[in-house]
Protein backbone atom coordinates (compact mmCIF):
# COMPACT_ATOMS: atom_id res chain seq x y z
CA MET A 1 133.09 204.79 122.07
CA ALA A 2 136.26 206.14 122.97
CA HIS A 3 137.15 209.02 119.95
CA THR A 4 140.10 207.46 117.81
CA PRO A 5 142.42 211.09 116.75
CA VAL A 6 142.94 211.57 113.23
CA ALA A 7 146.96 210.87 113.26
CA GLU A 8 145.64 207.40 114.69
CA ARG A 9 142.96 206.98 112.28
CA ARG A 10 145.10 207.45 109.38
CA ARG A 11 148.04 205.86 110.20
CA GLN A 12 145.44 202.43 110.99
CA PHE A 13 144.12 203.67 107.14
CA VAL A 14 147.22 203.30 105.86
CA ARG A 15 148.70 200.04 107.36
CA ALA A 16 144.92 198.74 106.28
CA THR A 17 145.90 199.62 102.90
CA THR A 18 149.25 197.70 102.21
CA LYS A 19 146.76 195.24 103.17
CA VAL A 20 144.37 195.50 100.88
CA VAL A 21 146.97 196.92 98.07
CA THR A 22 148.81 193.66 98.71
CA LYS A 23 145.32 191.68 97.99
CA HIS A 24 144.05 193.06 95.65
CA GLY A 25 145.93 195.46 93.43
CA VAL A 26 145.53 198.96 93.57
CA THR A 27 142.48 199.15 91.44
CA GLY A 28 141.20 196.46 94.21
CA ALA A 29 141.80 198.40 97.14
CA THR A 30 138.34 200.04 97.41
CA THR A 31 137.74 202.50 99.87
CA ARG A 32 135.17 200.38 101.10
CA ARG A 33 137.94 197.14 101.48
CA ILE A 34 140.14 199.50 102.73
CA ALA A 35 137.56 200.44 105.48
CA GLU A 36 136.64 197.47 106.50
CA GLU A 37 140.26 196.03 106.85
CA ALA A 38 140.88 199.07 109.47
CA GLY A 39 137.10 198.37 111.47
CA ALA A 40 136.84 201.89 110.56
CA PRO A 41 133.88 203.43 109.30
CA LEU A 42 133.79 204.12 105.69
CA ALA A 43 132.95 207.93 106.03
CA SER A 44 135.70 208.44 108.69
CA LEU A 45 138.02 206.94 106.16
CA HIS A 46 136.30 210.06 103.70
CA TYR A 47 137.27 212.29 106.60
CA CYS A 48 140.86 211.32 107.04
CA PHE A 49 142.02 211.45 103.24
CA LYS A 50 139.98 213.38 100.75
CA ASN A 51 140.46 211.20 97.32
CA LYS A 52 142.20 207.54 97.09
CA ASP A 53 145.25 209.08 95.22
CA GLU A 54 145.77 211.19 97.93
CA LEU A 55 145.60 207.95 100.47
CA MET A 56 147.73 205.82 98.45
CA GLU A 57 150.76 209.04 98.28
CA ALA A 58 150.14 208.22 102.41
CA VAL A 59 150.75 204.84 102.24
CA TYR A 60 154.19 205.54 99.85
CA ASP A 61 155.51 208.27 101.88
CA TYR A 62 154.63 206.51 105.21
CA VAL A 63 156.88 203.56 103.91
CA VAL A 64 159.60 204.66 102.22
CA GLY A 65 160.36 206.96 105.15
CA ASP A 66 160.05 204.35 108.08
CA PHE A 67 161.96 202.05 106.32
CA ILE A 68 164.35 204.58 105.42
CA GLY A 69 164.17 205.57 109.41
CA ALA A 70 164.88 201.92 110.39
CA VAL A 71 168.00 201.56 108.05
CA ARG A 72 169.44 205.06 109.34
CA ALA A 73 169.03 203.76 112.87
CA ALA A 74 170.54 200.46 112.22
CA THR A 75 173.56 201.90 110.76
CA ALA A 76 173.76 205.65 112.63
CA ASP A 77 177.08 203.89 114.82
CA SER A 78 178.64 202.41 111.47
CA VAL A 79 182.22 202.43 110.71
CA GLY A 80 184.07 201.73 107.57
CA VAL A 81 181.81 200.63 104.66
CA ALA A 82 181.48 197.06 105.17
CA ASP A 83 180.23 197.58 108.25
CA ALA A 84 177.29 200.13 106.74
CA VAL A 85 176.77 198.37 104.32
CA ALA A 86 176.50 194.62 106.92
CA ALA A 87 173.65 196.72 108.45
CA ALA A 88 171.80 198.41 106.54
CA CYS A 89 171.84 194.84 104.36
CA GLY A 90 170.43 193.56 107.59
CA ALA A 91 167.90 195.87 109.02
CA ALA A 92 166.31 196.38 105.65
CA TRP A 93 166.42 192.20 105.11
CA ALA A 94 164.84 191.96 108.78
CA ARG A 95 161.85 194.55 108.20
CA MET A 96 161.17 192.65 104.57
CA GLY A 97 160.89 189.38 107.02
CA GLU A 98 158.36 191.00 109.16
CA ASP A 99 156.24 192.97 106.83
CA PRO A 100 156.44 191.71 103.70
CA GLU A 101 152.64 193.25 102.37
CA GLU A 102 154.67 197.04 102.26
CA GLN A 103 157.60 196.09 99.78
CA VAL A 104 154.57 194.52 98.67
CA ALA A 105 152.32 197.21 98.11
CA THR A 106 155.12 199.68 97.43
CA TRP A 107 155.46 196.88 94.52
CA GLU A 108 151.89 197.83 93.33
CA LEU A 109 151.76 201.35 93.33
CA VAL A 110 155.03 201.52 91.27
CA LEU A 111 153.31 199.48 88.60
CA HIS A 112 150.86 201.75 89.00
CA TRP A 113 152.66 204.95 88.23
CA LEU A 114 154.34 203.68 85.96
CA ARG A 115 151.09 202.45 83.67
CA LEU A 116 149.61 206.34 83.77
CA PRO A 117 150.91 209.14 81.50
CA GLY A 118 153.17 211.69 83.27
CA GLU A 119 153.21 210.20 86.94
CA ALA A 120 156.40 207.98 85.63
CA GLY A 121 158.84 209.96 87.89
CA ARG A 122 156.97 209.28 91.11
CA SER A 123 157.33 205.86 90.35
CA GLY A 124 160.50 205.56 90.80
CA ALA A 125 160.79 208.73 93.93
CA ALA A 126 161.29 205.71 96.29
CA TYR A 127 164.38 204.41 94.36
CA GLU A 128 166.01 207.50 94.14
CA ALA A 129 165.07 208.12 98.04
CA TYR A 130 166.46 205.24 99.48
CA ALA A 131 169.75 205.50 96.87
CA ALA A 132 169.61 208.92 98.43
CA ALA A 133 170.25 208.00 101.92
CA MET A 134 172.17 205.02 101.28
CA THR A 135 175.13 207.30 99.68
CA GLU A 136 174.48 209.82 102.69
CA ILE A 137 175.14 206.28 105.33
CA LEU A 138 177.81 205.22 103.56
CA THR A 139 180.18 208.46 103.24
CA ALA A 140 179.38 209.08 106.65
CA ALA A 141 180.65 205.44 107.88
CA ALA A 142 183.65 205.91 105.84
CA GLU A 143 184.40 209.81 107.22
CA ARG A 144 184.32 207.05 110.46
CA ALA A 145 186.03 205.27 110.19
CA GLY A 146 189.16 207.70 108.56
CA GLU A 147 188.29 206.00 104.98
CA GLY A 148 188.92 209.12 103.42
CA PRO A 149 186.43 210.38 100.44
CA LEU A 150 184.28 208.16 98.70
CA PRO A 151 183.42 208.71 95.47
CA GLU A 152 181.85 205.66 94.28
CA ALA A 153 179.32 206.16 97.35
CA GLU A 154 176.47 206.86 95.32
CA THR A 155 177.29 203.67 92.26
CA LEU A 156 177.81 200.82 95.55
CA ALA A 157 174.71 202.73 97.23
CA ARG A 158 172.01 202.35 94.24
CA LEU A 159 174.02 198.87 93.91
CA VAL A 160 172.89 197.93 97.19
CA VAL A 161 168.92 199.12 96.42
CA ALA A 162 169.30 197.08 93.78
CA GLY A 163 170.47 193.91 94.71
CA MET A 164 168.50 193.76 98.23
CA GLU A 165 165.17 194.85 96.42
CA GLY A 166 165.74 191.46 93.64
CA ILE A 167 166.44 189.41 96.75
CA THR A 168 162.94 190.75 97.87
CA LEU A 169 161.15 190.67 94.79
CA GLN A 170 162.42 186.11 94.82
CA TYR A 171 162.14 185.90 98.25
CA VAL A 172 158.09 186.92 97.09
CA ALA A 173 158.33 184.77 94.49
CA GLY A 174 159.14 181.66 96.32
CA CYS A 175 162.95 181.72 96.89
CA ASP A 176 163.25 180.14 99.79
CA ARG A 177 164.60 181.75 102.69
CA ASP A 178 167.56 180.32 103.47
CA ARG A 179 168.85 180.73 100.19
CA ALA A 180 167.46 184.18 100.39
CA ASP A 181 169.77 184.61 103.89
CA GLU A 182 172.32 183.97 101.76
CA LEU A 183 172.32 185.88 98.98
CA VAL A 184 172.08 188.44 101.27
CA THR A 185 174.70 187.16 102.70
CA THR A 186 176.63 186.72 99.70
CA LEU A 187 175.38 190.69 98.38
CA VAL A 188 177.20 192.02 101.30
CA ARG A 189 180.62 190.20 100.76
CA ALA A 190 180.50 191.66 97.39
CA VAL A 191 180.25 194.84 97.77
CA GLY A 192 182.95 194.64 100.53
CA LEU A 193 185.18 192.84 98.14
CA LEU A 194 184.09 195.73 95.14
CA ARG A 195 185.22 198.70 97.53
CA GLU A 196 189.04 197.22 98.11
CA ALA A 197 189.42 196.18 94.03
CA PRO A 198 191.67 198.69 92.32
CA ALA A 199 189.40 200.31 89.85
CA SER A 200 190.72 198.85 86.74
CA SER A 201 189.62 194.95 87.94
CA ALA A 202 186.22 195.84 89.32
CA THR A 203 184.81 197.89 86.01
CA PRO A 204 184.09 194.64 83.58
CA ARG A 205 186.03 195.07 80.41
């Protein structure tokens, strides 16, 4: 039998864990189930990760990092805020469609850590990372278009993150794909309109 490098074996276990966590939650994601899903010996899992907590951290870091990488790649040549928002939402939505289990597993981990004393900050780390990346993407796109300073970049970024998160949750919970597609399109348009509107008219009274 060919030897599997540790780095590749770790990736196998991470991918298997997203599937098991989606089906059984974090508590039900036993190392035995994960090893079976990966088609690898249980001893190999314990060799790659010292404990289950380290494995769950690896899943979280992989999903968040890979997701941000995909969005950055899709928006690398975006010119202007509207273009960047459309490209980012398109990439995020495509990623969710390809592997919704990743998103469900992330939610499971967020809720798991929220329930643990002293771990609430860890559960919000993904959203801070998404917002920070999106802020950088919008700022760079605005500069490329000569749209001037973008003091509201972080607010717009958090709106995009929150909007896509809500749409994804609705879709996974049973919203049909056509309706979800329409919501993504509307979110992109809404952010564009908000960007163009005067500050006084964009602020709720």
